[in-house]
Amino acid sequence: MILSNIKLRTNKILVQPEANTSSSFSTESRKYDRKSIAYVKGIGDDINGLKVGDKVIYDDSHSIDFTIDGVSLSIITPEDIAAKIVEKEA
């Protein structure tokens, strides 16, 4: 998969949802599988405080979800990110 072929617009972030981090909930008419933890794979212009490789917790209710070469990806906005997960260095 060549992510460099994806040119993000200003104020957009490309993330790859982490495997096995989905949650589910039901409404009267349909069931939703939600993703909430992802790795940043690309960043549009004018976005500060994030870099490729960061692990984030995000709201996927407005994400654009798609698959390229069998890899699930989503495009979100900075407002969709609720937190950044900071890993302790060894």
N, C-alpha and C. Protein backbone atom coordinates (compact mmCIF):
# COMPACT_ATOMS: atom_id res chain seq x y z
N MET A 1 0.85 -1.18 0.00
CA MET A 1 0.00 0.00 0.00
C MET A 1 0.89 1.23 0.00
N ILE A 2 0.62 2.15 -0.90
CA ILE A 2 1.42 3.36 -0.98
C ILE A 2 0.59 4.53 -0.46
N LEU A 3 0.83 4.92 0.79
CA LEU A 3 0.08 6.02 1.40
C LEU A 3 0.48 7.36 0.82
N SER A 4 1.66 7.44 0.22
CA SER A 4 2.09 8.71 -0.36
C SER A 4 1.21 9.13 -1.53
N ASN A 5 0.42 8.22 -2.08
CA ASN A 5 -0.52 8.55 -3.15
C ASN A 5 -1.77 9.25 -2.64
N ILE A 6 -1.98 9.25 -1.33
CA ILE A 6 -3.15 9.90 -0.75
C ILE A 6 -2.74 11.32 -0.36
N LYS A 7 -3.31 12.30 -1.04
CA LYS A 7 -3.01 13.71 -0.77
C LYS A 7 -4.16 14.29 0.04
N LEU A 8 -3.93 14.52 1.33
CA LEU A 8 -4.97 15.01 2.22
C LEU A 8 -5.22 16.50 2.03
N ARG A 9 -6.46 16.89 2.16
CA ARG A 9 -6.82 18.30 2.13
C ARG A 9 -6.47 18.93 3.47
N THR A 10 -6.45 20.24 3.51
CA THR A 10 -6.20 20.97 4.74
C THR A 10 -7.19 20.50 5.81
N ASN A 11 -6.72 20.36 7.02
CA ASN A 11 -7.55 20.02 8.17
C ASN A 11 -8.07 18.58 8.15
N LYS A 12 -7.36 17.66 7.48
CA LYS A 12 -7.75 16.25 7.47
C LYS A 12 -6.58 15.40 7.97
N ILE A 13 -6.93 14.28 8.61
CA ILE A 13 -5.93 13.37 9.17
C ILE A 13 -6.27 11.95 8.71
N LEU A 14 -5.27 11.24 8.22
CA LEU A 14 -5.43 9.84 7.82
C LEU A 14 -4.98 8.96 8.97
N VAL A 15 -5.86 8.06 9.42
CA VAL A 15 -5.52 7.16 10.52
C VAL A 15 -5.80 5.72 10.11
N GLN A 16 -5.06 4.81 10.74
CA GLN A 16 -5.29 3.38 10.57
C GLN A 16 -5.78 2.84 11.90
N PRO A 17 -7.05 2.44 11.97
CA PRO A 17 -7.58 1.90 13.22
C PRO A 17 -6.77 0.70 13.69
N GLU A 18 -6.53 0.64 14.98
CA GLU A 18 -5.80 -0.47 15.57
C GLU A 18 -6.69 -1.70 15.57
N ALA A 19 -6.14 -2.83 15.22
CA ALA A 19 -6.90 -4.08 15.20
C ALA A 19 -7.38 -4.43 16.61
N ASN A 20 -8.56 -5.01 16.68
CA ASN A 20 -9.13 -5.50 17.95
C ASN A 20 -9.41 -4.41 18.97
N THR A 21 -9.76 -3.20 18.52
CA THR A 21 -10.12 -2.15 19.47
C THR A 21 -11.52 -1.62 19.19
N SER A 22 -12.35 -2.45 18.61
CA SER A 22 -13.69 -1.97 18.28
C SER A 22 -14.65 -2.22 19.44
N SER A 23 -15.68 -1.40 19.49
CA SER A 23 -16.77 -1.60 20.44
C SER A 23 -18.06 -1.59 19.64
N SER A 24 -19.09 -2.17 20.18
CA SER A 24 -20.35 -2.25 19.46
C SER A 24 -21.47 -1.70 20.31
N PHE A 25 -22.48 -1.16 19.64
CA PHE A 25 -23.70 -0.78 20.32
C PHE A 25 -24.85 -0.92 19.35
N SER A 26 -26.06 -1.02 19.87
CA SER A 26 -27.23 -1.23 19.02
C SER A 26 -28.22 -0.10 19.18
N THR A 27 -28.92 0.19 18.11
CA THR A 27 -30.09 1.07 18.17
C THR A 27 -31.26 0.21 17.71
N GLU A 28 -32.41 0.80 17.64
CA GLU A 28 -33.58 0.02 17.24
C GLU A 28 -33.44 -0.56 15.84
N SER A 29 -32.76 0.12 14.94
CA SER A 29 -32.74 -0.33 13.56
C SER A 29 -31.42 -0.94 13.08
N ARG A 30 -30.29 -0.62 13.72
CA ARG A 30 -29.03 -1.18 13.24
C ARG A 30 -27.99 -1.25 14.35
N LYS A 31 -27.00 -2.07 14.11
CA LYS A 31 -25.89 -2.23 15.04
C LYS A 31 -24.66 -1.55 14.45
N TYR A 32 -23.91 -0.88 15.28
CA TYR A 32 -22.72 -0.18 14.82
C TYR A 32 -21.48 -0.79 15.45
N ASP A 33 -20.46 -1.00 14.65
CA ASP A 33 -19.15 -1.38 15.17
C ASP A 33 -18.29 -0.14 15.08
N ARG A 34 -17.74 0.27 16.22
CA ARG A 34 -16.98 1.51 16.26
C ARG A 34 -15.52 1.23 16.52
N LYS A 35 -14.68 2.04 15.92
CA LYS A 35 -13.25 2.01 16.17
C LYS A 35 -12.93 3.23 17.00
N SER A 36 -11.96 3.13 17.90
CA SER A 36 -11.67 4.29 18.73
C SER A 36 -10.18 4.56 18.92
N ILE A 37 -9.32 3.62 18.58
CA ILE A 37 -7.88 3.83 18.72
C ILE A 37 -7.24 3.61 17.36
N ALA A 38 -6.35 4.54 16.97
CA ALA A 38 -5.74 4.44 15.65
C ALA A 38 -4.35 5.05 15.66
N TYR A 39 -3.61 4.74 14.62
CA TYR A 39 -2.28 5.32 14.40
C TYR A 39 -2.38 6.34 13.27
N VAL A 40 -1.78 7.50 13.47
CA VAL A 40 -1.77 8.54 12.45
C VAL A 40 -0.86 8.11 11.31
N LYS A 41 -1.40 8.12 10.09
CA LYS A 41 -0.64 7.71 8.91
C LYS A 41 -0.38 8.87 7.95
N GLY A 42 -1.09 9.98 8.11
CA GLY A 42 -0.90 11.15 7.26
C GLY A 42 -1.57 12.35 7.88
N ILE A 43 -1.03 13.54 7.59
CA ILE A 43 -1.55 14.77 8.18
C ILE A 43 -1.65 15.83 7.09
N GLY A 44 -2.81 16.49 7.01
CA GLY A 44 -2.99 17.60 6.07
C GLY A 44 -2.29 18.85 6.58
N ASP A 45 -2.34 19.90 5.79
CA ASP A 45 -1.71 21.17 6.17
C ASP A 45 -2.41 21.80 7.38
N ASP A 46 -1.71 22.66 8.07
CA ASP A 46 -2.25 23.46 9.18
C ASP A 46 -2.67 22.64 10.39
N ILE A 47 -2.05 21.49 10.61
CA ILE A 47 -2.35 20.69 11.80
C ILE A 47 -1.09 20.60 12.64
N ASN A 48 -1.17 21.09 13.85
CA ASN A 48 -0.02 21.09 14.76
C ASN A 48 -0.26 20.10 15.89
N GLY A 49 0.81 19.63 16.49
CA GLY A 49 0.70 18.77 17.67
C GLY A 49 0.57 17.29 17.37
N LEU A 50 0.55 16.92 16.10
CA LEU A 50 0.47 15.50 15.72
C LEU A 50 1.57 15.20 14.72
N LYS A 51 1.99 13.94 14.72
CA LYS A 51 2.95 13.50 13.71
C LYS A 51 2.59 12.08 13.30
N VAL A 52 3.06 11.68 12.15
CA VAL A 52 2.82 10.32 11.66
C VAL A 52 3.40 9.34 12.69
N GLY A 53 2.61 8.34 13.03
CA GLY A 53 3.02 7.35 14.02
C GLY A 53 2.39 7.55 15.38
N ASP A 54 1.83 8.74 15.64
CA ASP A 54 1.16 8.97 16.93
C ASP A 54 -0.04 8.05 17.07
N LYS A 55 -0.29 7.62 18.30
CA LYS A 55 -1.44 6.77 18.62
C LYS A 55 -2.49 7.67 19.26
N VAL A 56 -3.71 7.64 18.73
CA VAL A 56 -4.76 8.55 19.20
C VAL A 56 -6.05 7.81 19.51
N ILE A 57 -6.85 8.43 20.34
CA ILE A 57 -8.22 7.99 20.61
C ILE A 57 -9.11 8.99 19.89
N TYR A 58 -10.03 8.48 19.05
CA TYR A 58 -10.83 9.40 18.25
C TYR A 58 -12.29 8.98 18.19
N ASP A 59 -13.14 9.94 17.84
CA ASP A 59 -14.56 9.72 17.65
C ASP A 59 -14.78 9.38 16.18
N ASP A 60 -15.25 8.18 15.90
CA ASP A 60 -15.39 7.76 14.51
C ASP A 60 -16.77 8.03 13.92
N SER A 61 -17.60 8.79 14.62
CA SER A 61 -18.97 8.98 14.15
C SER A 61 -19.07 9.79 12.86
N HIS A 62 -18.02 10.55 12.51
CA HIS A 62 -18.04 11.33 11.27
C HIS A 62 -16.87 10.97 10.35
N SER A 63 -16.23 9.85 10.61
CA SER A 63 -15.05 9.48 9.83
C SER A 63 -15.45 8.98 8.44
N ILE A 64 -14.52 9.11 7.51
CA ILE A 64 -14.66 8.53 6.17
C ILE A 64 -13.84 7.26 6.19
N ASP A 65 -14.50 6.12 6.15
CA ASP A 65 -13.84 4.82 6.29
C ASP A 65 -13.71 4.15 4.92
N PHE A 66 -12.54 3.56 4.65
CA PHE A 66 -12.32 2.88 3.39
C PHE A 66 -11.19 1.88 3.55
N THR A 67 -11.00 1.04 2.52
CA THR A 67 -9.96 0.03 2.53
C THR A 67 -9.14 0.12 1.25
N ILE A 68 -7.82 0.09 1.40
CA ILE A 68 -6.91 0.07 0.24
C ILE A 68 -5.97 -1.11 0.44
N ASP A 69 -5.88 -1.97 -0.55
CA ASP A 69 -5.01 -3.16 -0.50
C ASP A 69 -5.24 -3.97 0.78
N GLY A 70 -6.50 -4.07 1.21
CA GLY A 70 -6.84 -4.86 2.38
C GLY A 70 -6.56 -4.18 3.72
N VAL A 71 -6.14 -2.92 3.69
CA VAL A 71 -5.84 -2.19 4.92
C VAL A 71 -6.95 -1.19 5.19
N SER A 72 -7.55 -1.25 6.39
CA SER A 72 -8.61 -0.32 6.76
C SER A 72 -8.01 1.02 7.16
N LEU A 73 -8.57 2.09 6.61
CA LEU A 73 -8.13 3.44 6.92
C LEU A 73 -9.33 4.33 7.15
N SER A 74 -9.11 5.47 7.80
CA SER A 74 -10.16 6.45 8.01
C SER A 74 -9.57 7.84 7.84
N ILE A 75 -10.40 8.76 7.39
CA ILE A 75 -10.02 10.17 7.35
C ILE A 75 -10.90 10.89 8.36
N ILE A 76 -10.26 11.66 9.24
CA ILE A 76 -10.95 12.39 10.30
C ILE A 76 -10.46 13.83 10.33
N THR A 77 -11.05 14.65 11.18
CA THR A 77 -10.60 16.03 11.39
C THR A 77 -9.96 16.13 12.78
N PRO A 78 -9.19 17.17 13.03
CA PRO A 78 -8.56 17.31 14.35
C PRO A 78 -9.58 17.32 15.50
N GLU A 79 -10.77 17.83 15.24
CA GLU A 79 -11.81 17.87 16.27
C GLU A 79 -12.28 16.48 16.69
N ASP A 80 -12.07 15.48 15.83
CA ASP A 80 -12.46 14.10 16.14
C ASP A 80 -11.51 13.43 17.12
N ILE A 81 -10.32 13.99 17.29
CA ILE A 81 -9.33 13.39 18.20
C ILE A 81 -9.62 13.84 19.62
N ALA A 82 -9.88 12.85 20.49
CA ALA A 82 -10.17 13.14 21.90
C ALA A 82 -8.90 13.14 22.75
N ALA A 83 -7.91 12.33 22.37
CA ALA A 83 -6.69 12.24 23.17
C ALA A 83 -5.58 11.61 22.36
N LYS A 84 -4.36 11.90 22.76
CA LYS A 84 -3.18 11.27 22.19
C LYS A 84 -2.62 10.34 23.26
N ILE A 85 -2.29 9.11 22.88
CA ILE A 85 -1.74 8.14 23.83
C ILE A 85 -0.22 8.27 23.81
N VAL A 86 0.34 8.61 24.94
CA VAL A 86 1.78 8.81 25.05
C VAL A 86 2.39 7.56 25.68
N GLU A 87 3.23 6.90 24.93
CA GLU A 87 3.87 5.68 25.41
C GLU A 87 5.11 6.07 26.22
N LYS A 88 5.34 5.41 27.33
CA LYS A 88 6.54 5.66 28.12
C LYS A 88 7.75 5.07 27.42
N GLU A 89 8.83 5.83 27.42
CA GLU A 89 10.06 5.33 26.82
C GLU A 89 10.80 4.45 27.81
N ALA A 90 11.39 3.38 27.32
CA ALA A 90 12.08 2.43 28.20
C ALA A 90 13.40 2.95 28.66
